[in-house]
Amino acid sequence: PVTSKLPGILVVEDNRDNMTVINAILKDNFRVWNAFNGEDGYHMAKDHIPDMILLDMSLPGMDGLSVVQYLKKNPSTSEIPVIAVSARAMKADIEAFLKGGCNDCVTKPIDVDELLGKIKKWVNN
């Protein structure tokens, strides 16, 4: 059988419980990198060039919208799909995330099927 390397996903999430849940969902099918704040997430994205980024929008310090704007300005990270992960589920919030540079949005609490469906949509495996 042909073995292919698993797609890599960077998870940027400051809440350890949410990080644990997301890692449990992803661990069997993806390589996963974890960052607990926006600045680390941005640097890890530049270092690893993941296939996708799951980005919490409410981060301490550099928030999710700032991170995605930096990512989209950097030629080496501008093409990485970014899914906003947020408890802010109002239509205006989601529109702001998409307008701000995110490719898609998943709301908390995370629905496993929705998350995996959106990852499949954006990750070319």
PDB file of N, CA and C in Angstrom:
ATOM      1  N   PRO A   1       0.828  -1.211   0.000  1.00  0.00           N
ATOM      2  CA  PRO A   1       0.000   0.000   0.000  1.00  0.00           C
ATOM      3  C   PRO A   1       0.864   1.265   0.000  1.00  0.00           C
ATOM      4  N   VAL A   2       0.377   2.274  -0.656  1.00  0.00           N
ATOM      5  CA  VAL A   2       1.094   3.539  -0.713  1.00  0.00           C
ATOM      6  C   VAL A   2       0.826   4.286   0.581  1.00  0.00           C
ATOM      7  N   THR A   3       1.887   4.675   1.265  1.00  0.00           N
ATOM      8  CA  THR A   3       1.694   5.450   2.492  1.00  0.00           C
ATOM      9  C   THR A   3       1.912   6.913   2.160  1.00  0.00           C
ATOM     10  N   SER A   4       0.952   7.721   2.542  1.00  0.00           N
ATOM     11  CA  SER A   4       1.100   9.157   2.324  1.00  0.00           C
ATOM     12  C   SER A   4       1.225   9.806   3.690  1.00  0.00           C
ATOM     13  N   LYS A   5       1.941  10.915   3.727  1.00  0.00           N
ATOM     14  CA  LYS A   5       2.037  11.577   5.019  1.00  0.00           C
ATOM     15  C   LYS A   5       0.700  12.239   5.332  1.00  0.00           C
ATOM     16  N   LEU A   6       0.351  12.206   6.584  1.00  0.00           N
ATOM     17  CA  LEU A   6      -0.921  12.776   7.002  1.00  0.00           C
ATOM     18  C   LEU A   6      -0.906  14.292   6.840  1.00  0.00           C
ATOM     19  N   PRO A   7      -2.052  14.881   6.463  1.00  0.00           N
ATOM     20  CA  PRO A   7      -2.118  16.339   6.399  1.00  0.00           C
ATOM     21  C   PRO A   7      -1.863  16.928   7.788  1.00  0.00           C
ATOM     22  N   GLY A   8      -1.228  18.083   7.820  1.00  0.00           N
ATOM     23  CA  GLY A   8      -0.920  18.735   9.090  1.00  0.00           C
ATOM     24  C   GLY A   8      -1.890  19.857   9.397  1.00  0.00           C
ATOM     25  N   ILE A   9      -2.342  19.897  10.649  1.00  0.00           N
ATOM     26  CA  ILE A   9      -3.249  20.956  11.090  1.00  0.00           C
ATOM     27  C   ILE A   9      -2.655  21.641  12.312  1.00  0.00           C
ATOM     28  N   LEU A  10      -2.591  22.957  12.246  1.00  0.00           N
ATOM     29  CA  LEU A  10      -2.165  23.765  13.384  1.00  0.00           C
ATOM     30  C   LEU A  10      -3.425  24.203  14.126  1.00  0.00           C
ATOM     31  N   VAL A  11      -3.471  23.899  15.426  1.00  0.00           N
ATOM     32  CA  VAL A  11      -4.593  24.302  16.268  1.00  0.00           C
ATOM     33  C   VAL A  11      -4.113  25.425  17.184  1.00  0.00           C
ATOM     34  N   VAL A  12      -4.738  26.597  17.059  1.00  0.00           N
ATOM     35  CA  VAL A  12      -4.387  27.736  17.898  1.00  0.00           C
ATOM     36  C   VAL A  12      -5.587  27.977  18.820  1.00  0.00           C
ATOM     37  N   GLU A  13      -5.415  27.639  20.088  1.00  0.00           N
ATOM     38  CA  GLU A  13      -6.521  27.651  21.056  1.00  0.00           C
ATOM     39  C   GLU A  13      -5.939  27.864  22.449  1.00  0.00           C
ATOM     40  N   ASP A  14      -6.434  28.868  23.180  1.00  0.00           N
ATOM     41  CA  ASP A  14      -5.877  29.154  24.506  1.00  0.00           C
ATOM     42  C   ASP A  14      -6.534  28.346  25.625  1.00  0.00           C
ATOM     43  N   ASN A  15      -7.683  27.726  25.359  1.00  0.00           N
ATOM     44  CA  ASN A  15      -8.375  26.951  26.383  1.00  0.00           C
ATOM     45  C   ASN A  15      -7.931  25.489  26.294  1.00  0.00           C
ATOM     46  N   ARG A  16      -7.296  24.996  27.351  1.00  0.00           N
ATOM     47  CA  ARG A  16      -6.723  23.642  27.311  1.00  0.00           C
ATOM     48  C   ARG A  16      -7.783  22.555  27.136  1.00  0.00           C
ATOM     49  N   ASP A  17      -8.972  22.749  27.703  1.00  0.00           N
ATOM     50  CA  ASP A  17     -10.037  21.755  27.522  1.00  0.00           C
ATOM     51  C   ASP A  17     -10.456  21.682  26.053  1.00  0.00           C
ATOM     52  N   ASN A  18     -10.641  22.848  25.428  1.00  0.00           N
ATOM     53  CA  ASN A  18     -10.988  22.869  24.001  1.00  0.00           C
ATOM     54  C   ASN A  18      -9.869  22.246  23.170  1.00  0.00           C
ATOM     55  N   MET A  19      -8.617  22.534  23.518  1.00  0.00           N
ATOM     56  CA  MET A  19      -7.469  21.969  22.808  1.00  0.00           C
ATOM     57  C   MET A  19      -7.499  20.441  22.905  1.00  0.00           C
ATOM     58  N   THR A  20      -7.788  19.916  24.089  1.00  0.00           N
ATOM     59  CA  THR A  20      -7.850  18.468  24.296  1.00  0.00           C
ATOM     60  C   THR A  20      -8.931  17.842  23.414  1.00  0.00           C
ATOM     61  N   VAL A  21     -10.094  18.473  23.361  1.00  0.00           N
ATOM     62  CA  VAL A  21     -11.199  17.964  22.539  1.00  0.00           C
ATOM     63  C   VAL A  21     -10.812  17.956  21.060  1.00  0.00           C
ATOM     64  N   ILE A  22     -10.256  19.060  20.582  1.00  0.00           N
ATOM     65  CA  ILE A  22      -9.880  19.155  19.166  1.00  0.00           C
ATOM     66  C   ILE A  22      -8.801  18.123  18.824  1.00  0.00           C
ATOM     67  N   ASN A  23      -7.819  17.981  19.709  1.00  0.00           N
ATOM     68  CA  ASN A  23      -6.764  16.992  19.462  1.00  0.00           C
ATOM     69  C   ASN A  23      -7.329  15.574  19.405  1.00  0.00           C
ATOM     70  N   ALA A  24      -8.286  15.271  20.268  1.00  0.00           N
ATOM     71  CA  ALA A  24      -8.896  13.943  20.268  1.00  0.00           C
ATOM     72  C   ALA A  24      -9.619  13.680  18.938  1.00  0.00           C
ATOM     73  N   ILE A  25     -10.245  14.711  18.396  1.00  0.00           N
ATOM     74  CA  ILE A  25     -10.959  14.575  17.116  1.00  0.00           C
ATOM     75  C   ILE A  25      -9.976  14.354  15.969  1.00  0.00           C
ATOM     76  N   LEU A  26      -8.833  15.036  15.994  1.00  0.00           N
ATOM     77  CA  LEU A  26      -7.907  15.054  14.860  1.00  0.00           C
ATOM     78  C   LEU A  26      -6.830  13.977  14.892  1.00  0.00           C
ATOM     79  N   LYS A  27      -6.475  13.467  16.076  1.00  0.00           N
ATOM     80  CA  LYS A  27      -5.212  12.728  16.251  1.00  0.00           C
ATOM     81  C   LYS A  27      -5.021  11.522  15.346  1.00  0.00           C
ATOM     82  N   ASP A  28      -6.091  10.852  14.954  1.00  0.00           N
ATOM     83  CA  ASP A  28      -5.923   9.637  14.146  1.00  0.00           C
ATOM     84  C   ASP A  28      -5.714   9.916  12.663  1.00  0.00           C
ATOM     85  N   ASN A  29      -6.124  11.068  12.199  1.00  0.00           N
ATOM     86  CA  ASN A  29      -6.102  11.336  10.759  1.00  0.00           C
ATOM     87  C   ASN A  29      -5.203  12.491  10.327  1.00  0.00           C
ATOM     88  N   PHE A  30      -4.608  13.182  11.286  1.00  0.00           N
ATOM     89  CA  PHE A  30      -3.815  14.366  10.959  1.00  0.00           C
ATOM     90  C   PHE A  30      -2.591  14.458  11.860  1.00  0.00           C
ATOM     91  N   ARG A  31      -1.543  15.122  11.347  1.00  0.00           N
ATOM     92  CA  ARG A  31      -0.444  15.566  12.202  1.00  0.00           C
ATOM     93  C   ARG A  31      -0.953  16.864  12.822  1.00  0.00           C
ATOM     94  N   VAL A  32      -0.757  17.039  14.115  1.00  0.00           N
ATOM     95  CA  VAL A  32      -1.314  18.205  14.795  1.00  0.00           C
ATOM     96  C   VAL A  32      -0.210  18.956  15.532  1.00  0.00           C
ATOM     97  N   TRP A  33      -0.198  20.268  15.339  1.00  0.00           N
ATOM     98  CA  TRP A  33       0.660  21.156  16.115  1.00  0.00           C
ATOM     99  C   TRP A  33      -0.263  22.015  16.960  1.00  0.00           C
ATOM    100  N   ASN A  34       0.156  22.343  18.187  1.00  0.00           N
ATOM    101  CA  ASN A  34      -0.656  23.146  19.096  1.00  0.00           C
ATOM    102  C   ASN A  34       0.050  24.435  19.464  1.00  0.00           C
ATOM    103  N   ALA A  35      -0.720  25.519  19.434  1.00  0.00           N
ATOM    104  CA  ALA A  35      -0.232  26.811  19.929  1.00  0.00           C
ATOM    105  C   ALA A  35      -1.318  27.354  20.846  1.00  0.00           C
ATOM    106  N   PHE A  36      -0.892  27.947  21.967  1.00  0.00           N
ATOM    107  CA  PHE A  36      -1.850  28.417  22.956  1.00  0.00           C
ATOM    108  C   PHE A  36      -2.084  29.925  22.924  1.00  0.00           C
ATOM    109  N   ASN A  37      -1.430  30.618  21.977  1.00  0.00           N
ATOM    110  CA  ASN A  37      -1.717  32.046  21.799  1.00  0.00           C
ATOM    111  C   ASN A  37      -1.446  32.433  20.343  1.00  0.00           C
ATOM    112  N   GLY A  38      -1.909  33.623  19.982  1.00  0.00           N
ATOM    113  CA  GLY A  38      -1.828  34.058  18.597  1.00  0.00           C
ATOM    114  C   GLY A  38      -0.418  34.205  18.062  1.00  0.00           C
ATOM    115  N   GLU A  39       0.471  34.768  18.870  1.00  0.00           N
ATOM    116  CA  GLU A  39       1.840  34.975  18.396  1.00  0.00           C
ATOM    117  C   GLU A  39       2.533  33.645  18.122  1.00  0.00           C
ATOM    118  N   ASP A  40       2.396  32.690  19.054  1.00  0.00           N
ATOM    119  CA  ASP A  40       2.996  31.373  18.829  1.00  0.00           C
ATOM    120  C   ASP A  40       2.374  30.711  17.605  1.00  0.00           C
ATOM    121  N   GLY A  41       1.060  30.865  17.456  1.00  0.00           N
ATOM    122  CA  GLY A  41       0.371  30.275  16.306  1.00  0.00           C
ATOM    123  C   GLY A  41       0.906  30.817  14.991  1.00  0.00           C
ATOM    124  N   TYR A  42       1.109  32.132  14.936  1.00  0.00           N
ATOM    125  CA  TYR A  42       1.633  32.744  13.717  1.00  0.00           C
ATOM    126  C   TYR A  42       3.031  32.210  13.405  1.00  0.00           C
ATOM    127  N   HIS A  43       3.899  32.148  14.414  1.00  0.00           N
ATOM    128  CA  HIS A  43       5.265  31.661  14.185  1.00  0.00           C
ATOM    129  C   HIS A  43       5.279  30.176  13.813  1.00  0.00           C
ATOM    130  N   MET A  44       4.409  29.384  14.444  1.00  0.00           N
ATOM    131  CA  MET A  44       4.349  27.958  14.102  1.00  0.00           C
ATOM    132  C   MET A  44       3.840  27.760  12.672  1.00  0.00           C
ATOM    133  N   ALA A  45       2.907  28.599  12.249  1.00  0.00           N
ATOM    134  CA  ALA A  45       2.406  28.509  10.870  1.00  0.00           C
ATOM    135  C   ALA A  45       3.547  28.776   9.893  1.00  0.00           C
ATOM    136  N   LYS A  46       4.388  29.772  10.183  1.00  0.00           N
ATOM    137  CA  LYS A  46       5.526  30.075   9.304  1.00  0.00           C
ATOM    138  C   LYS A  46       6.547  28.938   9.319  1.00  0.00           C
ATOM    139  N   ASP A  47       6.757  28.332  10.489  1.00  0.00           N
ATOM    140  CA  ASP A  47       7.762  27.268  10.615  1.00  0.00           C
ATOM    141  C   ASP A  47       7.321  25.954   9.985  1.00  0.00           C
ATOM    142  N   HIS A  48       6.051  25.600  10.132  1.00  0.00           N
ATOM    143  CA  HIS A  48       5.575  24.271   9.717  1.00  0.00           C
ATOM    144  C   HIS A  48       4.789  24.263   8.406  1.00  0.00           C
ATOM    145  N   ILE A  49       4.247  25.413   7.998  1.00  0.00           N
ATOM    146  CA  ILE A  49       3.373  25.511   6.813  1.00  0.00           C
ATOM    147  C   ILE A  49       2.360  24.348   6.820  1.00  0.00           C
ATOM    148  N   PRO A  50       1.414  24.373   7.780  1.00  0.00           N
ATOM    149  CA  PRO A  50       0.428  23.296   7.856  1.00  0.00           C
ATOM    150  C   PRO A  50      -0.533  23.334   6.665  1.00  0.00           C
ATOM    151  N   ASP A  51      -1.273  22.256   6.489  1.00  0.00           N
ATOM    152  CA  ASP A  51      -2.278  22.196   5.422  1.00  0.00           C
ATOM    153  C   ASP A  51      -3.518  23.009   5.789  1.00  0.00           C
ATOM    154  N   MET A  52      -3.695  23.266   7.074  1.00  0.00           N
ATOM    155  CA  MET A  52      -4.850  24.020   7.554  1.00  0.00           C
ATOM    156  C   MET A  52      -4.568  24.546   8.951  1.00  0.00           C
ATOM    157  N   ILE A  53      -5.274  25.626   9.309  1.00  0.00           N
ATOM    158  CA  ILE A  53      -5.183  26.180  10.658  1.00  0.00           C
ATOM    159  C   ILE A  53      -6.587  26.288  11.243  1.00  0.00           C
ATOM    160  N   LEU A  54      -6.753  25.742  12.447  1.00  0.00           N
ATOM    161  CA  LEU A  54      -7.978  25.947  13.228  1.00  0.00           C
ATOM    162  C   LEU A  54      -7.635  27.033  14.234  1.00  0.00           C
ATOM    163  N   LEU A  55      -8.292  28.171  14.125  1.00  0.00           N
ATOM    164  CA  LEU A  55      -7.876  29.370  14.844  1.00  0.00           C
ATOM    165  C   LEU A  55      -8.980  29.900  15.745  1.00  0.00           C
ATOM    166  N   ASP A  56      -8.748  29.815  17.057  1.00  0.00           N
ATOM    167  CA  ASP A  56      -9.655  30.439  18.025  1.00  0.00           C
ATOM    168  C   ASP A  56      -9.613  31.946  17.766  1.00  0.00           C
ATOM    169  N   MET A  57     -10.762  32.586  17.815  1.00  0.00           N
ATOM    170  CA  MET A  57     -10.806  34.017  17.531  1.00  0.00           C
ATOM    171  C   MET A  57     -10.566  34.866  18.767  1.00  0.00           C
ATOM    172  N   SER A  58     -10.865  34.328  19.951  1.00  0.00           N
ATOM    173  CA  SER A  58     -10.715  35.093  21.196  1.00  0.00           C
ATOM    174  C   SER A  58      -9.470  34.626  21.938  1.00  0.00           C
ATOM    175  N   LEU A  59      -8.330  35.117  21.497  1.00  0.00           N
ATOM    176  CA  LEU A  59      -7.047  34.737  22.093  1.00  0.00           C
ATOM    177  C   LEU A  59      -6.492  35.896  22.901  1.00  0.00           C
ATOM    178  N   PRO A  60      -5.718  35.591  23.962  1.00  0.00           N
ATOM    179  CA  PRO A  60      -5.060  36.673  24.699  1.00  0.00           C
ATOM    180  C   PRO A  60      -3.943  37.269  23.838  1.00  0.00           C
ATOM    181  N   GLY A  61      -3.657  38.546  24.033  1.00  0.00           N
ATOM    182  CA  GLY A  61      -2.607  39.178  23.228  1.00  0.00           C
ATOM    183  C   GLY A  61      -3.097  39.381  21.807  1.00  0.00           C
ATOM    184  N   MET A  62      -2.429  38.741  20.856  1.00  0.00           N
ATOM    185  CA  MET A  62      -2.805  38.853  19.451  1.00  0.00           C
ATOM    186  C   MET A  62      -4.051  37.998  19.199  1.00  0.00           C
ATOM    187  N   ASP A  63      -5.185  38.639  18.900  1.00  0.00           N
ATOM    188  CA  ASP A  63      -6.418  37.879  18.699  1.00  0.00           C
ATOM    189  C   ASP A  63      -6.453  37.195  17.329  1.00  0.00           C
ATOM    190  N   GLY A  64      -7.452  36.343  17.139  1.00  0.00           N
ATOM    191  CA  GLY A  64      -7.547  35.541  15.923  1.00  0.00           C
ATOM    192  C   GLY A  64      -7.577  36.353  14.643  1.00  0.00           C
ATOM    193  N   LEU A  65      -8.330  37.465  14.645  1.00  0.00           N
ATOM    194  CA  LEU A  65      -8.393  38.276  13.421  1.00  0.00           C
ATOM    195  C   LEU A  65      -7.030  38.868  13.086  1.00  0.00           C
ATOM    196  N   SER A  66      -6.272  39.282  14.102  1.00  0.00           N
ATOM    197  CA  SER A  66      -4.926  39.803  13.843  1.00  0.00           C
ATOM    198  C   SER A  66      -4.035  38.702  13.267  1.00  0.00           C
ATOM    199  N   VAL A  67      -4.130  37.500  13.834  1.00  0.00           N
ATOM    200  CA  VAL A  67      -3.321  36.371  13.350  1.00  0.00           C
ATOM    201  C   VAL A  67      -3.622  36.098  11.885  1.00  0.00           C
ATOM    202  N   VAL A  68      -4.901  36.005  11.534  1.00  0.00           N
ATOM    203  CA  VAL A  68      -5.244  35.662  10.154  1.00  0.00           C
ATOM    204  C   VAL A  68      -4.803  36.768   9.193  1.00  0.00           C
ATOM    205  N   GLN A  69      -4.864  38.015   9.636  1.00  0.00           N
ATOM    206  CA  GLN A  69      -4.417  39.100   8.764  1.00  0.00           C
ATOM    207  C   GLN A  69      -2.914  39.026   8.512  1.00  0.00           C
ATOM    208  N   TYR A  70      -2.133  38.706   9.546  1.00  0.00           N
ATOM    209  CA  TYR A  70      -0.688  38.508   9.355  1.00  0.00           C
ATOM    210  C   TYR A  70      -0.421  37.321   8.425  1.00  0.00           C
ATOM    211  N   LEU A  71      -1.155  36.232   8.624  1.00  0.00           N
ATOM    212  CA  LEU A  71      -0.961  35.039   7.792  1.00  0.00           C
ATOM    213  C   LEU A  71      -1.233  35.339   6.322  1.00  0.00           C
ATOM    214  N   LYS A  72      -2.298  36.083   6.051  1.00  0.00           N
ATOM    215  CA  LYS A  72      -2.694  36.352   4.665  1.00  0.00           C
ATOM    216  C   LYS A  72      -1.739  37.338   3.990  1.00  0.00           C
ATOM    217  N   LYS A  73      -1.052  38.175   4.781  1.00  0.00           N
ATOM    218  CA  LYS A  73      -0.083  39.123   4.210  1.00  0.00           C
ATOM    219  C   LYS A  73       1.254  38.467   3.886  1.00  0.00           C
ATOM    220  N   ASN A  74       1.549  37.331   4.533  1.00  0.00           N
ATOM    221  CA  ASN A  74       2.838  36.658   4.368  1.00  0.00           C
ATOM    222  C   ASN A  74       2.752  35.676   3.197  1.00  0.00           C
ATOM    223  N   PRO A  75       3.575  35.850   2.155  1.00  0.00           N
ATOM    224  CA  PRO A  75       3.489  34.970   0.988  1.00  0.00           C
ATOM    225  C   PRO A  75       3.621  33.481   1.324  1.00  0.00           C
ATOM    226  N   SER A  76       4.401  33.126   2.355  1.00  0.00           N
ATOM    227  CA  SER A  76       4.595  31.705   2.652  1.00  0.00           C
ATOM    228  C   SER A  76       3.394  31.085   3.371  1.00  0.00           C
ATOM    229  N   THR A  77       2.522  31.920   3.965  1.00  0.00           N
ATOM    230  CA  THR A  77       1.364  31.383   4.691  1.00  0.00           C
ATOM    231  C   THR A  77       0.022  31.836   4.112  1.00  0.00           C
ATOM    232  N   SER A  78       0.048  32.670   3.089  1.00  0.00           N
ATOM    233  CA  SER A  78      -1.193  33.289   2.604  1.00  0.00           C
ATOM    234  C   SER A  78      -2.200  32.296   2.017  1.00  0.00           C
ATOM    235  N   GLU A  79      -1.720  31.142   1.550  1.00  0.00           N
ATOM    236  CA  GLU A  79      -2.626  30.175   0.921  1.00  0.00           C
ATOM    237  C   GLU A  79      -3.157  29.118   1.885  1.00  0.00           C
ATOM    238  N   ILE A  80      -2.707  29.147   3.146  1.00  0.00           N
ATOM    239  CA  ILE A  80      -3.168  28.145   4.114  1.00  0.00           C
ATOM    240  C   ILE A  80      -4.625  28.433   4.480  1.00  0.00           C
ATOM    241  N   PRO A  81      -5.527  27.450   4.313  1.00  0.00           N
ATOM    242  CA  PRO A  81      -6.914  27.677   4.731  1.00  0.00           C
ATOM    243  C   PRO A  81      -6.991  27.841   6.249  1.00  0.00           C
ATOM    244  N   VAL A  82      -7.788  28.810   6.681  1.00  0.00           N
ATOM    245  CA  VAL A  82      -7.961  29.079   8.103  1.00  0.00           C
ATOM    246  C   VAL A  82      -9.442  28.947   8.449  1.00  0.00           C
ATOM    247  N   ILE A  83      -9.731  28.074   9.420  1.00  0.00           N
ATOM    248  CA  ILE A  83     -11.092  27.955   9.921  1.00  0.00           C
ATOM    249  C   ILE A  83     -11.148  28.641  11.283  1.00  0.00           C
ATOM    250  N   ALA A  84     -12.003  29.659  11.378  1.00  0.00           N
ATOM    251  CA  ALA A  84     -12.223  30.337  12.651  1.00  0.00           C
ATOM    252  C   ALA A  84     -12.971  29.384  13.572  1.00  0.00           C
ATOM    253  N   VAL A  85     -12.537  29.329  14.836  1.00  0.00           N
ATOM    254  CA  VAL A  85     -13.232  28.534  15.847  1.00  0.00           C
ATOM    255  C   VAL A  85     -13.631  29.515  16.936  1.00  0.00           C
ATOM    256  N   SER A  86     -14.944  29.659  17.158  1.00  0.00           N
ATOM    257  CA  SER A  86     -15.377  30.716  18.064  1.00  0.00           C
ATOM    258  C   SER A  86     -16.694  30.387  18.745  1.00  0.00           C
ATOM    259  N   ALA A  87     -16.841  30.868  19.973  1.00  0.00           N
ATOM    260  CA  ALA A  87     -18.120  30.778  20.669  1.00  0.00           C
ATOM    261  C   ALA A  87     -19.050  31.899  20.196  1.00  0.00           C
ATOM    262  N   ARG A  88     -18.483  32.884  19.504  1.00  0.00           N
ATOM    263  CA  ARG A  88     -19.300  33.984  18.982  1.00  0.00           C
ATOM    264  C   ARG A  88     -19.963  33.513  17.689  1.00  0.00           C
ATOM    265  N   ALA A  89     -21.248  33.178  17.776  1.00  0.00           N
ATOM    266  CA  ALA A  89     -21.929  32.518  16.664  1.00  0.00           C
ATOM    267  C   ALA A  89     -22.959  33.402  15.958  1.00  0.00           C
ATOM    268  N   MET A  90     -22.999  34.680  16.308  1.00  0.00           N
ATOM    269  CA  MET A  90     -23.948  35.571  15.643  1.00  0.00           C
ATOM    270  C   MET A  90     -23.520  35.755  14.185  1.00  0.00           C
ATOM    271  N   LYS A  91     -24.505  35.976  13.329  1.00  0.00           N
ATOM    272  CA  LYS A  91     -24.232  36.137  11.902  1.00  0.00           C
ATOM    273  C   LYS A  91     -23.188  37.235  11.662  1.00  0.00           C
ATOM    274  N   ALA A  92     -23.279  38.334  12.384  1.00  0.00           N
ATOM    275  CA  ALA A  92     -22.336  39.448  12.202  1.00  0.00           C
ATOM    276  C   ALA A  92     -20.910  39.029  12.581  1.00  0.00           C
ATOM    277  N   ASP A  93     -20.782  38.209  13.637  1.00  0.00           N
ATOM    278  CA  ASP A  93     -19.451  37.741  14.040  1.00  0.00           C
ATOM    279  C   ASP A  93     -18.844  36.870  12.945  1.00  0.00           C
ATOM    280  N   ILE A  94     -19.632  35.919  12.461  1.00  0.00           N
ATOM    281  CA  ILE A  94     -19.137  35.000  11.432  1.00  0.00           C
ATOM    282  C   ILE A  94     -18.764  35.773  10.169  1.00  0.00           C
ATOM    283  N   GLU A  95     -19.597  36.741   9.779  1.00  0.00           N
ATOM    284  CA  GLU A  95     -19.279  37.569   8.606  1.00  0.00           C
ATOM    285  C   GLU A  95     -17.973  38.327   8.817  1.00  0.00           C
ATOM    286  N   ALA A  96     -17.740  38.812  10.046  1.00  0.00           N
ATOM    287  CA  ALA A  96     -16.501  39.553  10.338  1.00  0.00           C
ATOM    288  C   ALA A  96     -15.287  38.628  10.216  1.00  0.00           C
ATOM    289  N   PHE A  97     -15.405  37.378  10.669  1.00  0.00           N
ATOM    290  CA  PHE A  97     -14.296  36.426  10.564  1.00  0.00           C
ATOM    291  C   PHE A  97     -13.977  36.145   9.090  1.00  0.00           C
ATOM    292  N   LEU A  98     -15.020  35.942   8.290  1.00  0.00           N
ATOM    293  CA  LEU A  98     -14.818  35.632   6.867  1.00  0.00           C
ATOM    294  C   LEU A  98     -14.263  36.855   6.136  1.00  0.00           C
ATOM    295  N   LYS A  99     -14.804  38.017   6.432  1.00  0.00           N
ATOM    296  CA  LYS A  99     -14.316  39.249   5.817  1.00  0.00           C
ATOM    297  C   LYS A  99     -12.873  39.528   6.246  1.00  0.00           C
ATOM    298  N   GLY A 100     -12.526  39.126   7.480  1.00  0.00           N
ATOM    299  CA  GLY A 100     -11.196  39.359   8.021  1.00  0.00           C
ATOM    300  C   GLY A 100     -10.128  38.430   7.459  1.00  0.00           C
ATOM    301  N   GLY A 101     -10.535  37.415   6.694  1.00  0.00           N
ATOM    302  CA  GLY A 101      -9.551  36.549   6.056  1.00  0.00           C
ATOM    303  C   GLY A 101      -9.721  35.059   6.309  1.00  0.00           C
ATOM    304  N   CYS A 102     -10.600  34.679   7.236  1.00  0.00           N
ATOM    305  CA  CYS A 102     -10.816  33.249   7.473  1.00  0.00           C
ATOM    306  C   CYS A 102     -11.571  32.640   6.289  1.00  0.00           C
ATOM    307  N   ASN A 103     -11.297  31.371   6.012  1.00  0.00           N
ATOM    308  CA  ASN A 103     -11.963  30.693   4.901  1.00  0.00           C
ATOM    309  C   ASN A 103     -13.309  30.115   5.309  1.00  0.00           C
ATOM    310  N   ASP A 104     -13.466  29.817   6.600  1.00  0.00           N
ATOM    311  CA  ASP A 104     -14.676  29.155   7.081  1.00  0.00           C
ATOM    312  C   ASP A 104     -14.755  29.380   8.581  1.00  0.00           C
ATOM    313  N   CYS A 105     -15.840  28.911   9.201  1.00  0.00           N
ATOM    314  CA  CYS A 105     -16.030  29.118  10.631  1.00  0.00           C
ATOM    315  C   CYS A 105     -16.734  27.919  11.246  1.00  0.00           C
ATOM    316  N   VAL A 106     -16.293  27.537  12.443  1.00  0.00           N
ATOM    317  CA  VAL A 106     -16.946  26.505  13.245  1.00  0.00           C
ATOM    318  C   VAL A 106     -17.223  27.138  14.593  1.00  0.00           C
ATOM    319  N   THR A 107     -18.443  26.938  15.113  1.00  0.00           N
ATOM    320  CA  THR A 107     -18.779  27.538  16.399  1.00  0.00           C
ATOM    321  C   THR A 107     -18.618  26.525  17.528  1.00  0.00           C
ATOM    322  N   LYS A 108     -18.355  27.075  18.720  1.00  0.00           N
ATOM    323  CA  LYS A 108     -18.244  26.265  19.928  1.00  0.00           C
ATOM    324  C   LYS A 108     -19.611  26.244  20.609  1.00  0.00           C
ATOM    325  N   PRO A 109     -19.998  25.172  21.278  1.00  0.00           N
ATOM    326  CA  PRO A 109     -19.240  23.916  21.384  1.00  0.00           C
ATOM    327  C   PRO A 109     -19.097  23.254  20.019  1.00  0.00           C
ATOM    328  N   ILE A 110     -17.967  22.605  19.810  1.00  0.00           N
ATOM    329  CA  ILE A 110     -17.638  22.055  18.500  1.00  0.00           C
ATOM    330  C   ILE A 110     -18.475  20.819  18.182  1.00  0.00           C
ATOM    331  N   ASP A 111     -19.083  20.853  17.012  1.00  0.00           N
ATOM    332  CA  ASP A 111     -19.796  19.688  16.481  1.00  0.00           C
ATOM    333  C   ASP A 111     -18.775  18.898  15.657  1.00  0.00           C
ATOM    334  N   VAL A 112     -18.500  17.665  16.074  1.00  0.00           N
ATOM    335  CA  VAL A 112     -17.443  16.853  15.447  1.00  0.00           C
ATOM    336  C   VAL A 112     -17.681  16.680  13.949  1.00  0.00           C
ATOM    337  N   ASP A 113     -18.908  16.339  13.561  1.00  0.00           N
ATOM    338  CA  ASP A 113     -19.189  16.115  12.137  1.00  0.00           C
ATOM    339  C   ASP A 113     -19.022  17.391  11.325  1.00  0.00           C
ATOM    340  N   GLU A 114     -19.457  18.520  11.883  1.00  0.00           N
ATOM    341  CA  GLU A 114     -19.301  19.801  11.184  1.00  0.00           C
ATOM    342  C   GLU A 114     -17.816  20.126  11.012  1.00  0.00           C
ATOM    343  N   LEU A 115     -17.042  19.951  12.091  1.00  0.00           N
ATOM    344  CA  LEU A 115     -15.612  20.248  12.025  1.00  0.00           C
ATOM    345  C   LEU A 115     -14.921  19.382  10.976  1.00  0.00           C
ATOM    346  N   LEU A 116     -15.153  18.077  11.043  1.00  0.00           N
ATOM    347  CA  LEU A 116     -14.498  17.174  10.082  1.00  0.00           C
ATOM    348  C   LEU A 116     -14.951  17.447   8.655  1.00  0.00           C
ATOM    349  N   GLY A 117     -16.212  17.796   8.464  1.00  0.00           N
ATOM    350  CA  GLY A 117     -16.708  18.135   7.128  1.00  0.00           C
ATOM    351  C   GLY A 117     -16.019  19.363   6.567  1.00  0.00           C
ATOM    352  N   LYS A 118     -15.837  20.376   7.404  1.00  0.00           N
ATOM    353  CA  LYS A 118     -15.179  21.601   6.934  1.00  0.00           C
ATOM    354  C   LYS A 118     -13.692  21.369   6.692  1.00  0.00           C
ATOM    355  N   ILE A 119     -13.056  20.542   7.517  1.00  0.00           N
ATOM    356  CA  ILE A 119     -11.643  20.220   7.276  1.00  0.00           C
ATOM    357  C   ILE A 119     -11.514  19.507   5.936  1.00  0.00           C
ATOM    358  N   LYS A 120     -12.375  18.542   5.692  1.00  0.00           N
ATOM    359  CA  LYS A 120     -12.328  17.777   4.432  1.00  0.00           C
ATOM    360  C   LYS A 120     -12.526  18.706   3.235  1.00  0.00           C
ATOM    361  N   LYS A 121     -13.399  19.693   3.384  1.00  0.00           N
ATOM    362  CA  LYS A 121     -13.673  20.653   2.308  1.00  0.00           C
ATOM    363  C   LYS A 121     -12.411  21.453   1.942  1.00  0.00           C
ATOM    364  N   TRP A 122     -11.595  21.801   2.965  1.00  0.00           N
ATOM    365  CA  TRP A 122     -10.467  22.695   2.736  1.00  0.00           C
ATOM    366  C   TRP A 122      -9.119  22.032   2.612  1.00  0.00           C
ATOM    367  N   VAL A 123      -8.973  20.815   3.125  1.00  0.00           N
ATOM    368  CA  VAL A 123      -7.671  20.131   3.061  1.00  0.00           C
ATOM    369  C   VAL A 123      -7.654  19.201   1.856  1.00  0.00           C
ATOM    370  N   ASN A 124      -6.685  19.411   0.985  1.00  0.00           N
ATOM    371  CA  ASN A 124      -6.573  18.551  -0.200  1.00  0.00           C
ATOM    372  C   ASN A 124      -5.716  17.338   0.150  1.00  0.00           C
ATOM    373  N   ASN A 125      -6.385  16.182   0.461  1.00  0.00           N
ATOM    374  CA  ASN A 125      -5.556  15.026   0.776  1.00  0.00           C
ATOM    375  C   ASN A 125      -5.543  14.082  -0.402  1.00  0.00           C
TER     376      ASN A 125
END
